[in-house]
PDB file of N, CA and C in Angstrom:
ATOM      1  N   MET A   1       9.093 -15.248  32.910  1.00  0.00           N
ATOM      2  CA  MET A   1      10.248 -14.734  33.593  1.00  0.00           C
ATOM      3  C   MET A   1      11.160 -14.054  32.578  1.00  0.00           C
ATOM      4  N   LYS A   2      11.408 -12.788  32.782  1.00  0.00           N
ATOM      5  CA  LYS A   2      12.278 -12.030  31.895  1.00  0.00           C
ATOM      6  C   LYS A   2      13.705 -12.050  32.423  1.00  0.00           C
ATOM      7  N   PRO A   3      14.680 -12.213  31.531  1.00  0.00           N
ATOM      8  CA  PRO A   3      16.064 -12.126  31.997  1.00  0.00           C
ATOM      9  C   PRO A   3      16.428 -10.663  32.260  1.00  0.00           C
ATOM     10  N   ASP A   4      17.344 -10.444  33.193  1.00  0.00           N
ATOM     11  CA  ASP A   4      17.793  -9.098  33.522  1.00  0.00           C
ATOM     12  C   ASP A   4      18.893  -8.709  32.540  1.00  0.00           C
ATOM     13  N   LEU A   5      18.582  -7.788  31.647  1.00  0.00           N
ATOM     14  CA  LEU A   5      19.538  -7.362  30.624  1.00  0.00           C
ATOM     15  C   LEU A   5      20.264  -6.077  30.997  1.00  0.00           C
ATOM     16  N   SER A   6      19.895  -5.493  32.097  1.00  0.00           N
ATOM     17  CA  SER A   6      20.426  -4.174  32.440  1.00  0.00           C
ATOM     18  C   SER A   6      21.921  -4.190  32.759  1.00  0.00           C
ATOM     19  N   GLN A   7      22.487  -5.305  33.127  1.00  0.00           N
ATOM     20  CA  GLN A   7      23.901  -5.378  33.493  1.00  0.00           C
ATOM     21  C   GLN A   7      24.795  -5.812  32.335  1.00  0.00           C
ATOM     22  N   LEU A   8      24.210  -6.070  31.155  1.00  0.00           N
ATOM     23  CA  LEU A   8      25.004  -6.543  30.026  1.00  0.00           C
ATOM     24  C   LEU A   8      25.665  -5.386  29.299  1.00  0.00           C
ATOM     25  N   SER A   9      26.822  -5.669  28.710  1.00  0.00           N
ATOM     26  CA  SER A   9      27.524  -4.664  27.907  1.00  0.00           C
ATOM     27  C   SER A   9      26.858  -4.561  26.540  1.00  0.00           C
ATOM     28  N   ILE A  10      27.275  -3.561  25.783  1.00  0.00           N
ATOM     29  CA  ILE A  10      26.699  -3.368  24.443  1.00  0.00           C
ATOM     30  C   ILE A  10      26.967  -4.585  23.564  1.00  0.00           C
ATOM     31  N   SER A  11      28.174  -5.100  23.604  1.00  0.00           N
ATOM     32  CA  SER A  11      28.487  -6.263  22.765  1.00  0.00           C
ATOM     33  C   SER A  11      27.676  -7.478  23.198  1.00  0.00           C
ATOM     34  N   GLU A  12      27.470  -7.635  24.503  1.00  0.00           N
ATOM     35  CA  GLU A  12      26.651  -8.743  24.979  1.00  0.00           C
ATOM     36  C   GLU A  12      25.191  -8.565  24.565  1.00  0.00           C
ATOM     37  N   LEU A  13      24.707  -7.318  24.631  1.00  0.00           N
ATOM     38  CA  LEU A  13      23.332  -7.048  24.182  1.00  0.00           C
ATOM     39  C   LEU A  13      23.180  -7.327  22.697  1.00  0.00           C
ATOM     40  N   ASN A  14      24.169  -6.938  21.892  1.00  0.00           N
ATOM     41  CA  ASN A  14      24.127  -7.222  20.449  1.00  0.00           C
ATOM     42  C   ASN A  14      24.114  -8.724  20.194  1.00  0.00           C
ATOM     43  N   ALA A  15      24.853  -9.482  21.005  1.00  0.00           N
ATOM     44  CA  ALA A  15      24.852 -10.939  20.867  1.00  0.00           C
ATOM     45  C   ALA A  15      23.477 -11.509  21.203  1.00  0.00           C
ATOM     46  N   VAL A  16      22.845 -10.963  22.242  1.00  0.00           N
ATOM     47  CA  VAL A  16      21.495 -11.411  22.615  1.00  0.00           C
ATOM     48  C   VAL A  16      20.519 -11.111  21.482  1.00  0.00           C
ATOM     49  N   ILE A  17      20.643  -9.911  20.892  1.00  0.00           N
ATOM     50  CA  ILE A  17      19.765  -9.532  19.775  1.00  0.00           C
ATOM     51  C   ILE A  17      19.961 -10.485  18.602  1.00  0.00           C
ATOM     52  N   ALA A  18      21.209 -10.779  18.263  1.00  0.00           N
ATOM     53  CA  ALA A  18      21.494 -11.674  17.140  1.00  0.00           C
ATOM     54  C   ALA A  18      20.916 -13.063  17.392  1.00  0.00           C
ATOM     55  N   GLU A  19      21.068 -13.541  18.616  1.00  0.00           N
ATOM     56  CA  GLU A  19      20.534 -14.854  18.964  1.00  0.00           C
ATOM     57  C   GLU A  19      19.006 -14.860  18.890  1.00  0.00           C
ATOM     58  N   ALA A  20      18.391 -13.779  19.374  1.00  0.00           N
ATOM     59  CA  ALA A  20      16.928 -13.684  19.325  1.00  0.00           C
ATOM     60  C   ALA A  20      16.432 -13.635  17.888  1.00  0.00           C
ATOM     61  N   GLN A  21      17.126 -12.889  17.036  1.00  0.00           N
ATOM     62  CA  GLN A  21      16.722 -12.828  15.630  1.00  0.00           C
ATOM     63  C   GLN A  21      16.847 -14.184  14.953  1.00  0.00           C
ATOM     64  N   ALA A  22      17.893 -14.932  15.292  1.00  0.00           N
ATOM     65  CA  ALA A  22      18.056 -16.273  14.731  1.00  0.00           C
ATOM     66  C   ALA A  22      16.933 -17.189  15.199  1.00  0.00           C
ATOM     67  N   LEU A  23      16.553 -17.065  16.473  1.00  0.00           N
ATOM     68  CA  LEU A  23      15.444 -17.867  16.991  1.00  0.00           C
ATOM     69  C   LEU A  23      14.127 -17.503  16.319  1.00  0.00           C
ATOM     70  N   ILE A  24      13.903 -16.213  16.117  1.00  0.00           N
ATOM     71  CA  ILE A  24      12.679 -15.764  15.443  1.00  0.00           C
ATOM     72  C   ILE A  24      12.617 -16.338  14.035  1.00  0.00           C
ATOM     73  N   SER A  25      13.728 -16.274  13.336  1.00  0.00           N
ATOM     74  CA  SER A  25      13.769 -16.798  11.969  1.00  0.00           C
ATOM     75  C   SER A  25      13.501 -18.304  11.953  1.00  0.00           C
ATOM     76  N   ALA A  26      14.088 -19.020  12.890  1.00  0.00           N
ATOM     77  CA  ALA A  26      13.890 -20.471  12.958  1.00  0.00           C
ATOM     78  C   ALA A  26      12.433 -20.804  13.276  1.00  0.00           C
ATOM     79  N   ARG A  27      11.836 -20.057  14.200  1.00  0.00           N
ATOM     80  CA  ARG A  27      10.433 -20.307  14.562  1.00  0.00           C
ATOM     81  C   ARG A  27       9.502 -20.017  13.385  1.00  0.00           C
ATOM     82  N   LYS A  28       9.805 -18.939  12.646  1.00  0.00           N
ATOM     83  CA  LYS A  28       8.980 -18.627  11.470  1.00  0.00           C
ATOM     84  C   LYS A  28       9.061 -19.752  10.453  1.00  0.00           C
ATOM     85  N   ASP A  29      10.274 -20.272  10.248  1.00  0.00           N
ATOM     86  CA  ASP A  29      10.436 -21.381   9.307  1.00  0.00           C
ATOM     87  C   ASP A  29       9.656 -22.607   9.768  1.00  0.00           C
ATOM     88  N   GLU A  30       9.695 -22.889  11.073  1.00  0.00           N
ATOM     89  CA  GLU A  30       8.944 -24.028  11.620  1.00  0.00           C
ATOM     90  C   GLU A  30       7.445 -23.838  11.402  1.00  0.00           C
ATOM     91  N   GLU A  31       6.948 -22.643  11.700  1.00  0.00           N
ATOM     92  CA  GLU A  31       5.526 -22.361  11.529  1.00  0.00           C
ATOM     93  C   GLU A  31       5.116 -22.465  10.064  1.00  0.00           C
ATOM     94  N   LEU A  32       5.975 -21.980   9.185  1.00  0.00           N
ATOM     95  CA  LEU A  32       5.685 -22.050   7.759  1.00  0.00           C
ATOM     96  C   LEU A  32       5.605 -23.506   7.297  1.00  0.00           C
ATOM     97  N   GLN A  33       6.549 -24.328   7.730  1.00  0.00           N
ATOM     98  CA  GLN A  33       6.531 -25.742   7.369  1.00  0.00           C
ATOM     99  C   GLN A  33       5.286 -26.438   7.917  1.00  0.00           C
ATOM    100  N   LYS A  34       4.945 -26.122   9.168  1.00  0.00           N
ATOM    101  CA  LYS A  34       3.764 -26.726   9.799  1.00  0.00           C
ATOM    102  C   LYS A  34       2.497 -26.324   9.033  1.00  0.00           C
ATOM    103  N   THR A  35       2.386 -25.058   8.688  1.00  0.00           N
ATOM    104  CA  THR A  35       1.217 -24.574   7.955  1.00  0.00           C
ATOM    105  C   THR A  35       1.149 -25.202   6.576  1.00  0.00           C
ATOM    106  N   TYR A  36       2.294 -25.324   5.901  1.00  0.00           N
ATOM    107  CA  TYR A  36       2.318 -25.951   4.581  1.00  0.00           C
ATOM    108  C   TYR A  36       1.853 -27.405   4.675  1.00  0.00           C
ATOM    109  N   GLN A  37       2.323 -28.130   5.693  1.00  0.00           N
ATOM    110  CA  GLN A  37       1.917 -29.529   5.845  1.00  0.00           C
ATOM    111  C   GLN A  37       0.408 -29.642   6.069  1.00  0.00           C
ATOM    112  N   GLU A  38      -0.152 -28.754   6.897  1.00  0.00           N
ATOM    113  CA  GLU A  38      -1.598 -28.760   7.125  1.00  0.00           C
ATOM    114  C   GLU A  38      -2.349 -28.461   5.826  1.00  0.00           C
ATOM    115  N   PHE A  39      -1.843 -27.505   5.085  1.00  0.00           N
ATOM    116  CA  PHE A  39      -2.460 -27.128   3.815  1.00  0.00           C
ATOM    117  C   PHE A  39      -2.391 -28.286   2.825  1.00  0.00           C
ATOM    118  N   ALA A  40      -1.231 -28.942   2.774  1.00  0.00           N
ATOM    119  CA  ALA A  40      -1.057 -30.072   1.854  1.00  0.00           C
ATOM    120  C   ALA A  40      -1.995 -31.217   2.228  1.00  0.00           C
ATOM    121  N   GLU A  41      -2.193 -31.451   3.527  1.00  0.00           N
ATOM    122  CA  GLU A  41      -3.112 -32.501   3.966  1.00  0.00           C
ATOM    123  C   GLU A  41      -4.543 -32.185   3.543  1.00  0.00           C
ATOM    124  N   LYS A  42      -4.950 -30.936   3.676  1.00  0.00           N
ATOM    125  CA  LYS A  42      -6.297 -30.550   3.256  1.00  0.00           C
ATOM    126  C   LYS A  42      -6.449 -30.700   1.744  1.00  0.00           C
ATOM    127  N   ALA A  43      -5.411 -30.366   1.007  1.00  0.00           N
ATOM    128  CA  ALA A  43      -5.458 -30.516  -0.449  1.00  0.00           C
ATOM    129  C   ALA A  43      -5.600 -31.990  -0.817  1.00  0.00           C
ATOM    130  N   ARG A  44      -4.814 -32.844  -0.157  1.00  0.00           N
ATOM    131  CA  ARG A  44      -4.904 -34.292  -0.436  1.00  0.00           C
ATOM    132  C   ARG A  44      -6.299 -34.817  -0.099  1.00  0.00           C
ATOM    133  N   ALA A  45      -6.890 -34.308   0.994  1.00  0.00           N
ATOM    134  CA  ALA A  45      -8.233 -34.753   1.376  1.00  0.00           C
ATOM    135  C   ALA A  45      -9.257 -34.394   0.311  1.00  0.00           C
ATOM    136  N   LEU A  46      -8.993 -33.321  -0.428  1.00  0.00           N
ATOM    137  CA  LEU A  46      -9.884 -32.912  -1.517  1.00  0.00           C
ATOM    138  C   LEU A  46      -9.514 -33.572  -2.842  1.00  0.00           C
ATOM    139  N   GLY A  47      -8.432 -34.340  -2.839  1.00  0.00           N
ATOM    140  CA  GLY A  47      -7.971 -34.975  -4.065  1.00  0.00           C
ATOM    141  C   GLY A  47      -7.299 -33.983  -5.008  1.00  0.00           C
ATOM    142  N   MET A  48      -6.680 -32.979  -4.445  1.00  0.00           N
ATOM    143  CA  MET A  48      -6.038 -31.936  -5.244  1.00  0.00           C
ATOM    144  C   MET A  48      -4.605 -31.744  -4.773  1.00  0.00           C
ATOM    145  N   THR A  49      -3.871 -30.976  -5.573  1.00  0.00           N
ATOM    146  CA  THR A  49      -2.531 -30.589  -5.162  1.00  0.00           C
ATOM    147  C   THR A  49      -2.588 -29.156  -4.644  1.00  0.00           C
ATOM    148  N   VAL A  50      -1.522 -28.766  -3.959  1.00  0.00           N
ATOM    149  CA  VAL A  50      -1.435 -27.399  -3.459  1.00  0.00           C
ATOM    150  C   VAL A  50      -1.465 -26.426  -4.632  1.00  0.00           C
ATOM    151  N   ASP A  51      -0.767 -26.750  -5.714  1.00  0.00           N
ATOM    152  CA  ASP A  51      -0.748 -25.876  -6.890  1.00  0.00           C
ATOM    153  C   ASP A  51      -2.135 -25.700  -7.490  1.00  0.00           C
ATOM    154  N   GLN A  52      -2.941 -26.749  -7.509  1.00  0.00           N
ATOM    155  CA  GLN A  52      -4.293 -26.638  -8.042  1.00  0.00           C
ATOM    156  C   GLN A  52      -5.147 -25.698  -7.187  1.00  0.00           C
ATOM    157  N   ILE A  53      -4.992 -25.775  -5.880  1.00  0.00           N
ATOM    158  CA  ILE A  53      -5.751 -24.894  -4.990  1.00  0.00           C
ATOM    159  C   ILE A  53      -5.305 -23.453  -5.170  1.00  0.00           C
ATOM    160  N   LEU A  54      -4.000 -23.251  -5.280  1.00  0.00           N
ATOM    161  CA  LEU A  54      -3.496 -21.896  -5.482  1.00  0.00           C
ATOM    162  C   LEU A  54      -3.965 -21.323  -6.819  1.00  0.00           C
ATOM    163  N   ALA A  55      -4.063 -22.171  -7.833  1.00  0.00           N
ATOM    164  CA  ALA A  55      -4.541 -21.713  -9.137  1.00  0.00           C
ATOM    165  C   ALA A  55      -5.994 -21.260  -9.049  1.00  0.00           C
ATOM    166  N   VAL A  56      -6.800 -21.960  -8.257  1.00  0.00           N
ATOM    167  CA  VAL A  56      -8.192 -21.555  -8.070  1.00  0.00           C
ATOM    168  C   VAL A  56      -8.237 -20.187  -7.405  1.00  0.00           C
ATOM    169  N   GLY A  57      -7.405 -19.970  -6.406  1.00  0.00           N
ATOM    170  CA  GLY A  57      -7.352 -18.679  -5.733  1.00  0.00           C
ATOM    171  C   GLY A  57      -6.908 -17.577  -6.673  1.00  0.00           C
ATOM    172  N   ALA A  58      -5.971 -17.871  -7.555  1.00  0.00           N
ATOM    173  CA  ALA A  58      -5.486 -16.864  -8.497  1.00  0.00           C
ATOM    174  C   ALA A  58      -6.571 -16.500  -9.511  1.00  0.00           C
ATOM    175  N   LYS A  59      -7.354 -17.479  -9.945  1.00  0.00           N
ATOM    176  CA  LYS A  59      -8.421 -17.213 -10.917  1.00  0.00           C
ATOM    177  C   LYS A  59      -9.521 -16.350 -10.315  1.00  0.00           C
ATOM    178  N   SER A  60      -9.817 -16.574  -9.035  1.00  0.00           N
ATOM    179  CA  SER A  60     -10.906 -15.834  -8.410  1.00  0.00           C
ATOM    180  C   SER A  60     -10.460 -14.476  -7.902  1.00  0.00           C
ATOM    181  N   GLY A  61      -9.170 -14.192  -8.002  1.00  0.00           N
ATOM    182  CA  GLY A  61      -8.675 -12.903  -7.545  1.00  0.00           C
ATOM    183  C   GLY A  61      -8.336 -12.888  -6.072  1.00  0.00           C
ATOM    184  N   ARG A  62      -8.563 -14.005  -5.398  1.00  0.00           N
ATOM    185  CA  ARG A  62      -8.213 -14.074  -3.978  1.00  0.00           C
ATOM    186  C   ARG A  62      -6.748 -14.439  -3.856  1.00  0.00           C
ATOM    187  N   GLY A  63      -6.151 -13.953  -2.797  1.00  0.00           N
ATOM    188  CA  GLY A  63      -4.776 -14.335  -2.538  1.00  0.00           C
ATOM    189  C   GLY A  63      -3.758 -13.368  -3.104  1.00  0.00           C
ATOM    190  N   LYS A  64      -4.211 -12.373  -3.828  1.00  0.00           N
ATOM    191  CA  LYS A  64      -3.273 -11.371  -4.294  1.00  0.00           C
ATOM    192  C   LYS A  64      -3.958 -10.018  -4.254  1.00  0.00           C
ATOM    193  N   ALA A  65      -3.180  -9.006  -4.096  1.00  0.00           N
ATOM    194  CA  ALA A  65      -3.721  -7.661  -3.977  1.00  0.00           C
ATOM    195  C   ALA A  65      -4.292  -7.195  -5.304  1.00  0.00           C
ATOM    196  N   ALA A  66      -5.343  -6.421  -5.220  1.00  0.00           N
ATOM    197  CA  ALA A  66      -5.944  -5.854  -6.426  1.00  0.00           C
ATOM    198  C   ALA A  66      -5.009  -4.798  -6.998  1.00  0.00           C
ATOM    199  N   PRO A  67      -4.890  -4.762  -8.320  1.00  0.00           N
ATOM    200  CA  PRO A  67      -4.011  -3.755  -8.903  1.00  0.00           C
ATOM    201  C   PRO A  67      -4.552  -2.352  -8.667  1.00  0.00           C
ATOM    202  N   ALA A  68      -3.649  -1.449  -8.434  1.00  0.00           N
ATOM    203  CA  ALA A  68      -4.054  -0.058  -8.211  1.00  0.00           C
ATOM    204  C   ALA A  68      -4.604   0.518  -9.513  1.00  0.00           C
ATOM    205  N   ALA A  69      -5.671   1.267  -9.393  1.00  0.00           N
ATOM    206  CA  ALA A  69      -6.280   1.867 -10.574  1.00  0.00           C
ATOM    207  C   ALA A  69      -5.338   2.938 -11.134  1.00  0.00           C
ATOM    208  N   GLU A  70      -5.227   2.958 -12.440  1.00  0.00           N
ATOM    209  CA  GLU A  70      -4.387   3.974 -13.064  1.00  0.00           C
ATOM    210  C   GLU A  70      -5.093   5.313 -12.992  1.00  0.00           C
ATOM    211  N   LYS A  71      -4.359   6.317 -12.595  1.00  0.00           N
ATOM    212  CA  LYS A  71      -4.925   7.653 -12.531  1.00  0.00           C
ATOM    213  C   LYS A  71      -4.625   8.353 -13.841  1.00  0.00           C
ATOM    214  N   LYS A  72      -5.663   8.771 -14.491  1.00  0.00           N
ATOM    215  CA  LYS A  72      -5.504   9.481 -15.749  1.00  0.00           C
ATOM    216  C   LYS A  72      -5.505  10.978 -15.468  1.00  0.00           C
ATOM    217  N   PRO A  73      -4.696  11.716 -16.171  1.00  0.00           N
ATOM    218  CA  PRO A  73      -4.690  13.160 -15.940  1.00  0.00           C
ATOM    219  C   PRO A  73      -6.030  13.778 -16.315  1.00  0.00           C
ATOM    220  N   VAL A  74      -6.426  14.770 -15.528  1.00  0.00           N
ATOM    221  CA  VAL A  74      -7.695  15.444 -15.748  1.00  0.00           C
ATOM    222  C   VAL A  74      -7.449  16.642 -16.660  1.00  0.00           C
ATOM    223  N   ALA A  75      -8.323  16.836 -17.604  1.00  0.00           N
ATOM    224  CA  ALA A  75      -8.174  17.946 -18.550  1.00  0.00           C
ATOM    225  C   ALA A  75      -8.358  19.287 -17.845  1.00  0.00           C
ATOM    226  N   ILE A  76      -7.593  20.254 -18.277  1.00  0.00           N
ATOM    227  CA  ILE A  76      -7.693  21.607 -17.742  1.00  0.00           C
ATOM    228  C   ILE A  76      -8.951  22.250 -18.312  1.00  0.00           C
ATOM    229  N   ARG A  77      -9.748  22.873 -17.448  1.00  0.00           N
ATOM    230  CA  ARG A  77     -10.994  23.487 -17.898  1.00  0.00           C
ATOM    231  C   ARG A  77     -10.988  25.006 -17.787  1.00  0.00           C
ATOM    232  N   TYR A  78     -10.104  25.556 -16.929  1.00  0.00           N
ATOM    233  CA  TYR A  78     -10.076  27.000 -16.719  1.00  0.00           C
ATOM    234  C   TYR A  78      -8.629  27.498 -16.756  1.00  0.00           C
ATOM    235  N   ARG A  79      -8.443  28.699 -17.320  1.00  0.00           N
ATOM    236  CA  ARG A  79      -7.113  29.284 -17.425  1.00  0.00           C
ATOM    237  C   ARG A  79      -7.185  30.760 -17.049  1.00  0.00           C
ATOM    238  N   ASN A  80      -6.157  31.247 -16.365  1.00  0.00           N
ATOM    239  CA  ASN A  80      -6.063  32.654 -15.988  1.00  0.00           C
ATOM    240  C   ASN A  80      -5.557  33.437 -17.206  1.00  0.00           C
ATOM    241  N   PRO A  81      -6.358  34.346 -17.766  1.00  0.00           N
ATOM    242  CA  PRO A  81      -5.904  35.093 -18.939  1.00  0.00           C
ATOM    243  C   PRO A  81      -4.707  35.999 -18.641  1.00  0.00           C
ATOM    244  N   ALA A  82      -4.560  36.441 -17.404  1.00  0.00           N
ATOM    245  CA  ALA A  82      -3.437  37.298 -17.038  1.00  0.00           C
ATOM    246  C   ALA A  82      -2.136  36.499 -16.922  1.00  0.00           C
ATOM    247  N   ASN A  83      -2.243  35.219 -16.595  1.00  0.00           N
ATOM    248  CA  ASN A  83      -1.067  34.359 -16.472  1.00  0.00           C
ATOM    249  C   ASN A  83      -1.454  32.968 -16.982  1.00  0.00           C
ATOM    250  N   PRO A  84      -1.223  32.655 -18.257  1.00  0.00           N
ATOM    251  CA  PRO A  84      -1.671  31.388 -18.846  1.00  0.00           C
ATOM    252  C   PRO A  84      -1.118  30.128 -18.169  1.00  0.00           C
ATOM    253  N   SER A  85      -0.068  30.284 -17.365  1.00  0.00           N
ATOM    254  CA  SER A  85       0.470  29.102 -16.690  1.00  0.00           C
ATOM    255  C   SER A  85      -0.399  28.698 -15.499  1.00  0.00           C
ATOM    256  N   GLU A  86      -1.294  29.559 -15.056  1.00  0.00           N
ATOM    257  CA  GLU A  86      -2.192  29.256 -13.949  1.00  0.00           C
ATOM    258  C   GLU A  86      -3.475  28.652 -14.510  1.00  0.00           C
ATOM    259  N   THR A  87      -3.704  27.401 -14.161  1.00  0.00           N
ATOM    260  CA  THR A  87      -4.869  26.680 -14.675  1.00  0.00           C
ATOM    261  C   THR A  87      -5.587  25.977 -13.531  1.00  0.00           C
ATOM    262  N   TRP A  88      -6.783  25.473 -13.851  1.00  0.00           N
ATOM    263  CA  TRP A  88      -7.561  24.715 -12.885  1.00  0.00           C
ATOM    264  C   TRP A  88      -8.384  23.691 -13.636  1.00  0.00           C
ATOM    265  N   THR A  89      -8.488  22.487 -13.088  1.00  0.00           N
ATOM    266  CA  THR A  89      -9.247  21.411 -13.721  1.00  0.00           C
ATOM    267  C   THR A  89     -10.727  21.469 -13.382  1.00  0.00           C
ATOM    268  N   GLY A  90     -11.086  22.260 -12.396  1.00  0.00           N
ATOM    269  CA  GLY A  90     -12.474  22.298 -11.954  1.00  0.00           C
ATOM    270  C   GLY A  90     -12.719  21.371 -10.786  1.00  0.00           C
ATOM    271  N   ARG A  91     -11.693  20.692 -10.341  1.00  0.00           N
ATOM    272  CA  ARG A  91     -11.800  19.780  -9.201  1.00  0.00           C
ATOM    273  C   ARG A  91     -11.097  20.391  -8.003  1.00  0.00           C
ATOM    274  N   GLY A  92     -11.614  20.114  -6.845  1.00  0.00           N
ATOM    275  CA  GLY A  92     -10.987  20.591  -5.622  1.00  0.00           C
ATOM    276  C   GLY A  92     -11.264  22.064  -5.382  1.00  0.00           C
ATOM    277  N   LYS A  93     -10.519  22.612  -4.461  1.00  0.00           N
ATOM    278  CA  LYS A  93     -10.708  24.002  -4.075  1.00  0.00           C
ATOM    279  C   LYS A  93     -10.298  24.924  -5.222  1.00  0.00           C
ATOM    280  N   GLN A  94     -11.059  25.994  -5.397  1.00  0.00           N
ATOM    281  CA  GLN A  94     -10.721  26.959  -6.445  1.00  0.00           C
ATOM    282  C   GLN A  94      -9.378  27.607  -6.137  1.00  0.00           C
ATOM    283  N   PRO A  95      -8.550  27.808  -7.163  1.00  0.00           N
ATOM    284  CA  PRO A  95      -7.276  28.486  -6.927  1.00  0.00           C
ATOM    285  C   PRO A  95      -7.515  29.941  -6.529  1.00  0.00           C
ATOM    286  N   ARG A  96      -6.536  30.517  -5.886  1.00  0.00           N
ATOM    287  CA  ARG A  96      -6.681  31.884  -5.382  1.00  0.00           C
ATOM    288  C   ARG A  96      -6.928  32.891  -6.499  1.00  0.00           C
ATOM    289  N   TRP A  97      -6.248  32.723  -7.631  1.00  0.00           N
ATOM    290  CA  TRP A  97      -6.436  33.685  -8.717  1.00  0.00           C
ATOM    291  C   TRP A  97      -7.881  33.687  -9.201  1.00  0.00           C
ATOM    292  N   LEU A  98      -8.503  32.505  -9.255  1.00  0.00           N
ATOM    293  CA  LEU A  98      -9.884  32.410  -9.714  1.00  0.00           C
ATOM    294  C   LEU A  98     -10.847  32.939  -8.650  1.00  0.00           C
ATOM    295  N   ALA A  99     -10.621  32.593  -7.414  1.00  0.00           N
ATOM    296  CA  ALA A  99     -11.480  33.064  -6.333  1.00  0.00           C
ATOM    297  C   ALA A  99     -11.453  34.592  -6.250  1.00  0.00           C
ATOM    298  N   ALA A 100     -10.255  35.186  -6.441  1.00  0.00           N
ATOM    299  CA  ALA A 100     -10.152  36.648  -6.396  1.00  0.00           C
ATOM    300  C   ALA A 100     -10.914  37.289  -7.546  1.00  0.00           C
ATOM    301  N   ARG A 101     -10.829  36.709  -8.735  1.00  0.00           N
ATOM    302  CA  ARG A 101     -11.543  37.251  -9.896  1.00  0.00           C
ATOM    303  C   ARG A 101     -13.052  37.120  -9.724  1.00  0.00           C
ATOM    304  N   ILE A 102     -13.510  36.023  -9.164  1.00  0.00           N
ATOM    305  CA  ILE A 102     -14.947  35.832  -8.934  1.00  0.00           C
ATOM    306  C   ILE A 102     -15.436  36.835  -7.887  1.00  0.00           C
ATOM    307  N   ALA A 103     -14.631  37.050  -6.853  1.00  0.00           N
ATOM    308  CA  ALA A 103     -14.992  38.032  -5.828  1.00  0.00           C
ATOM    309  C   ALA A 103     -15.067  39.441  -6.413  1.00  0.00           C
ATOM    310  N   ALA A 104     -14.286  39.673  -7.482  1.00  0.00           N
ATOM    311  CA  ALA A 104     -14.287  40.992  -8.125  1.00  0.00           C
ATOM    312  C   ALA A 104     -15.432  41.142  -9.116  1.00  0.00           C
ATOM    313  N   GLY A 105     -16.238  40.093  -9.300  1.00  0.00           N
ATOM    314  CA  GLY A 105     -17.410  40.207 -10.155  1.00  0.00           C
ATOM    315  C   GLY A 105     -17.393  39.359 -11.411  1.00  0.00           C
ATOM    316  N   SER A 106     -16.321  38.643 -11.691  1.00  0.00           N
ATOM    317  CA  SER A 106     -16.274  37.784 -12.872  1.00  0.00           C
ATOM    318  C   SER A 106     -17.035  36.493 -12.607  1.00  0.00           C
ATOM    319  N   LYS A 107     -17.311  35.760 -13.674  1.00  0.00           N
ATOM    320  CA  LYS A 107     -17.965  34.468 -13.569  1.00  0.00           C
ATOM    321  C   LYS A 107     -16.959  33.377 -13.912  1.00  0.00           C
ATOM    322  N   VAL A 108     -17.164  32.207 -13.372  1.00  0.00           N
ATOM    323  CA  VAL A 108     -16.272  31.080 -13.646  1.00  0.00           C
ATOM    324  C   VAL A 108     -16.231  30.800 -15.142  1.00  0.00           C
ATOM    325  N   GLU A 109     -17.358  30.933 -15.807  1.00  0.00           N
ATOM    326  CA  GLU A 109     -17.440  30.649 -17.232  1.00  0.00           C
ATOM    327  C   GLU A 109     -16.529  31.562 -18.055  1.00  0.00           C
ATOM    328  N   ASP A 110     -16.194  32.752 -17.525  1.00  0.00           N
ATOM    329  CA  ASP A 110     -15.317  33.674 -18.238  1.00  0.00           C
ATOM    330  C   ASP A 110     -13.914  33.118 -18.413  1.00  0.00           C
ATOM    331  N   PHE A 111     -13.538  32.129 -17.617  1.00  0.00           N
ATOM    332  CA  PHE A 111     -12.179  31.579 -17.643  1.00  0.00           C
ATOM    333  C   PHE A 111     -12.127  30.200 -18.267  1.00  0.00           C
ATOM    334  N   ALA A 112     -13.249  29.723 -18.783  1.00  0.00           N
ATOM    335  CA  ALA A 112     -13.313  28.401 -19.406  1.00  0.00           C
ATOM    336  C   ALA A 112     -12.465  28.382 -20.676  1.00  0.00           C
ATOM    337  N   ILE A 113     -11.847  27.234 -20.887  1.00  0.00           N
ATOM    338  CA  ILE A 113     -11.014  27.068 -22.088  1.00  0.00           C
ATOM    339  C   ILE A 113     -11.884  26.599 -23.226  1.00  0.00           C
TER     340      ILE A 113
END
């Protein structure tokens, strides 16, 4: 059964929102405590502490996100002789300046650094 909120004023609606957020926070805390107690019971059944179980998870890499791989800059392999600031690494789509030169009869190797 949903309450009818259509007749409430803005301040009354804000009060309802605040109350709902407080209830959500309280329920999350209850669930967290309940889950922790279940986890602690399982740890005790294994003759371990919660910290010991978490340490095992940390050693195996489970329980935390994998670090993002560092991206290393790719070396420039081609340069436009007419404009040295225009370069290409050889990855991805060919730049327009290079595609135009190749269409005019040049070879990619002519622009290698």
